[in-house]
Amino acid sequence: MHRTLAAALTAAVAAALAVGAGLGIVALLNATPDQPNRPLVHYESPDRDQRDQ
């Protein structure tokens, strides 16, 4: 009986630690600032007179 109780308690503590670690990782990922939405490559738009040709 003592071993069964110890095994159940160990499993419960391990599950609680896993859930806590998962929630902590999600909180850290949500805490990072959003990256700016700027294109890495920018192409110049052609002049109006060049588009008509």
N, C-alpha and C. Protein backbone atom coordinates (compact mmCIF):
# COMPACT_ATOMS: atom_id res chain seq x y z
N MET A 1 0.84 -1.19 0.00
CA MET A 1 0.00 0.00 0.00
C MET A 1 0.88 1.25 0.00
N HIS A 2 1.97 1.22 0.76
CA HIS A 2 2.85 2.37 0.86
C HIS A 2 3.50 2.70 -0.49
N ARG A 3 3.91 1.67 -1.22
CA ARG A 3 4.53 1.89 -2.53
C ARG A 3 3.52 2.44 -3.53
N THR A 4 2.30 1.94 -3.48
CA THR A 4 1.27 2.43 -4.39
C THR A 4 0.98 3.91 -4.14
N LEU A 5 0.89 4.27 -2.88
CA LEU A 5 0.65 5.67 -2.52
C LEU A 5 1.82 6.55 -2.97
N ALA A 6 3.03 6.08 -2.77
CA ALA A 6 4.21 6.84 -3.18
C ALA A 6 4.26 6.99 -4.69
N ALA A 7 3.90 5.93 -5.42
CA ALA A 7 3.90 6.00 -6.88
C ALA A 7 2.83 6.97 -7.38
N ALA A 8 1.65 6.93 -6.78
CA ALA A 8 0.57 7.83 -7.18
C ALA A 8 0.93 9.29 -6.88
N LEU A 9 1.53 9.51 -5.72
CA LEU A 9 1.93 10.86 -5.35
C LEU A 9 3.04 11.38 -6.29
N THR A 10 3.97 10.51 -6.64
CA THR A 10 5.04 10.90 -7.55
C THR A 10 4.48 11.24 -8.93
N ALA A 11 3.53 10.44 -9.41
CA ALA A 11 2.92 10.70 -10.71
C ALA A 11 2.14 12.01 -10.69
N ALA A 12 1.44 12.29 -9.59
CA ALA A 12 0.68 13.53 -9.49
C ALA A 12 1.60 14.75 -9.46
N VAL A 13 2.70 14.65 -8.72
CA VAL A 13 3.65 15.76 -8.67
C VAL A 13 4.31 15.96 -10.03
N ALA A 14 4.66 14.89 -10.71
CA ALA A 14 5.26 14.99 -12.04
C ALA A 14 4.30 15.64 -13.03
N ALA A 15 3.03 15.26 -12.96
CA ALA A 15 2.03 15.85 -13.85
C ALA A 15 1.86 17.34 -13.56
N ALA A 16 1.85 17.70 -12.29
CA ALA A 16 1.71 19.11 -11.92
C ALA A 16 2.92 19.92 -12.40
N LEU A 17 4.12 19.35 -12.27
CA LEU A 17 5.31 20.04 -12.77
C LEU A 17 5.28 20.21 -14.29
N ALA A 18 4.80 19.19 -14.99
CA ALA A 18 4.72 19.27 -16.45
C ALA A 18 3.73 20.35 -16.88
N VAL A 19 2.60 20.41 -16.22
CA VAL A 19 1.60 21.44 -16.55
C VAL A 19 2.15 22.82 -16.23
N GLY A 20 2.80 22.96 -15.09
CA GLY A 20 3.39 24.25 -14.74
C GLY A 20 4.46 24.69 -15.71
N ALA A 21 5.30 23.76 -16.15
CA ALA A 21 6.34 24.10 -17.12
C ALA A 21 5.72 24.50 -18.45
N GLY A 22 4.68 23.80 -18.86
CA GLY A 22 4.00 24.15 -20.12
C GLY A 22 3.38 25.53 -20.05
N LEU A 23 2.73 25.83 -18.95
CA LEU A 23 2.12 27.16 -18.80
C LEU A 23 3.19 28.26 -18.73
N GLY A 24 4.30 27.95 -18.10
CA GLY A 24 5.39 28.92 -18.04
C GLY A 24 5.98 29.21 -19.41
N ILE A 25 6.15 28.18 -20.21
CA ILE A 25 6.69 28.37 -21.57
C ILE A 25 5.72 29.19 -22.41
N VAL A 26 4.44 28.90 -22.30
CA VAL A 26 3.45 29.68 -23.06
C VAL A 26 3.44 31.13 -22.61
N ALA A 27 3.57 31.37 -21.32
CA ALA A 27 3.60 32.75 -20.81
C ALA A 27 4.84 33.48 -21.32
N LEU A 28 5.97 32.79 -21.37
CA LEU A 28 7.18 33.43 -21.90
C LEU A 28 7.06 33.75 -23.39
N LEU A 29 6.45 32.85 -24.13
CA LEU A 29 6.28 33.10 -25.57
C LEU A 29 5.32 34.25 -25.83
N ASN A 30 4.30 34.38 -25.00
CA ASN A 30 3.36 35.48 -25.17
C ASN A 30 3.94 36.81 -24.71
N ALA A 31 4.99 36.78 -23.89
CA ALA A 31 5.58 38.00 -23.36
C ALA A 31 6.55 38.65 -24.34
N THR A 32 6.97 37.92 -25.38
CA THR A 32 7.92 38.50 -26.34
C THR A 32 7.20 39.53 -27.20
N PRO A 33 7.85 40.64 -27.51
CA PRO A 33 7.19 41.67 -28.32
C PRO A 33 6.99 41.19 -29.76
N ASP A 34 5.97 41.73 -30.40
CA ASP A 34 5.72 41.39 -31.80
C ASP A 34 6.81 41.99 -32.67
N GLN A 35 7.17 41.25 -33.68
CA GLN A 35 8.18 41.73 -34.61
C GLN A 35 7.52 42.70 -35.59
N PRO A 36 8.27 43.71 -36.04
CA PRO A 36 7.69 44.64 -37.01
C PRO A 36 7.42 43.94 -38.33
N ASN A 37 6.34 44.31 -38.95
CA ASN A 37 5.94 43.69 -40.21
C ASN A 37 6.48 44.52 -41.37
N ARG A 38 7.81 44.50 -41.53
CA ARG A 38 8.44 45.23 -42.62
C ARG A 38 9.05 44.23 -43.58
N PRO A 39 8.89 44.45 -44.88
CA PRO A 39 9.48 43.51 -45.83
C PRO A 39 11.01 43.61 -45.82
N LEU A 40 11.67 42.48 -46.02
CA LEU A 40 13.12 42.47 -46.07
C LEU A 40 13.63 43.05 -47.38
N VAL A 41 12.86 42.87 -48.45
CA VAL A 41 13.24 43.38 -49.76
C VAL A 41 12.18 44.36 -50.21
N HIS A 42 12.61 45.50 -50.69
CA HIS A 42 11.68 46.53 -51.14
C HIS A 42 12.01 46.86 -52.59
N TYR A 43 11.02 46.73 -53.46
CA TYR A 43 11.20 47.05 -54.87
C TYR A 43 10.59 48.42 -55.13
N GLU A 44 11.33 49.23 -55.83
CA GLU A 44 10.84 50.56 -56.19
C GLU A 44 9.72 50.42 -57.21
N SER A 45 8.68 51.19 -57.06
CA SER A 45 7.60 51.16 -58.05
C SER A 45 8.04 52.01 -59.25
N PRO A 46 7.73 51.55 -60.44
CA PRO A 46 8.15 52.31 -61.63
C PRO A 46 7.40 53.64 -61.72
N ASP A 47 8.03 54.60 -62.38
CA ASP A 47 7.37 55.89 -62.60
C ASP A 47 6.16 55.72 -63.49
N ARG A 48 5.27 56.69 -63.44
CA ARG A 48 4.04 56.59 -64.23
C ARG A 48 4.33 56.54 -65.73
N ASP A 49 5.29 57.32 -66.19
CA ASP A 49 5.56 57.33 -67.63
C ASP A 49 6.20 56.02 -68.07
N GLN A 50 6.87 55.30 -67.22
CA GLN A 50 7.45 54.01 -67.59
C GLN A 50 6.39 52.91 -67.65
N ARG A 51 5.32 53.04 -66.87
CA ARG A 51 4.27 52.02 -66.89
C ARG A 51 3.46 52.07 -68.18
N ASP A 52 3.35 53.23 -68.79
CA ASP A 52 2.52 53.37 -69.99
C ASP A 52 3.19 52.77 -71.22
N GLN A 53 4.46 52.56 -71.18
CA GLN A 53 5.15 52.06 -72.37
C GLN A 53 4.97 50.59 -72.56
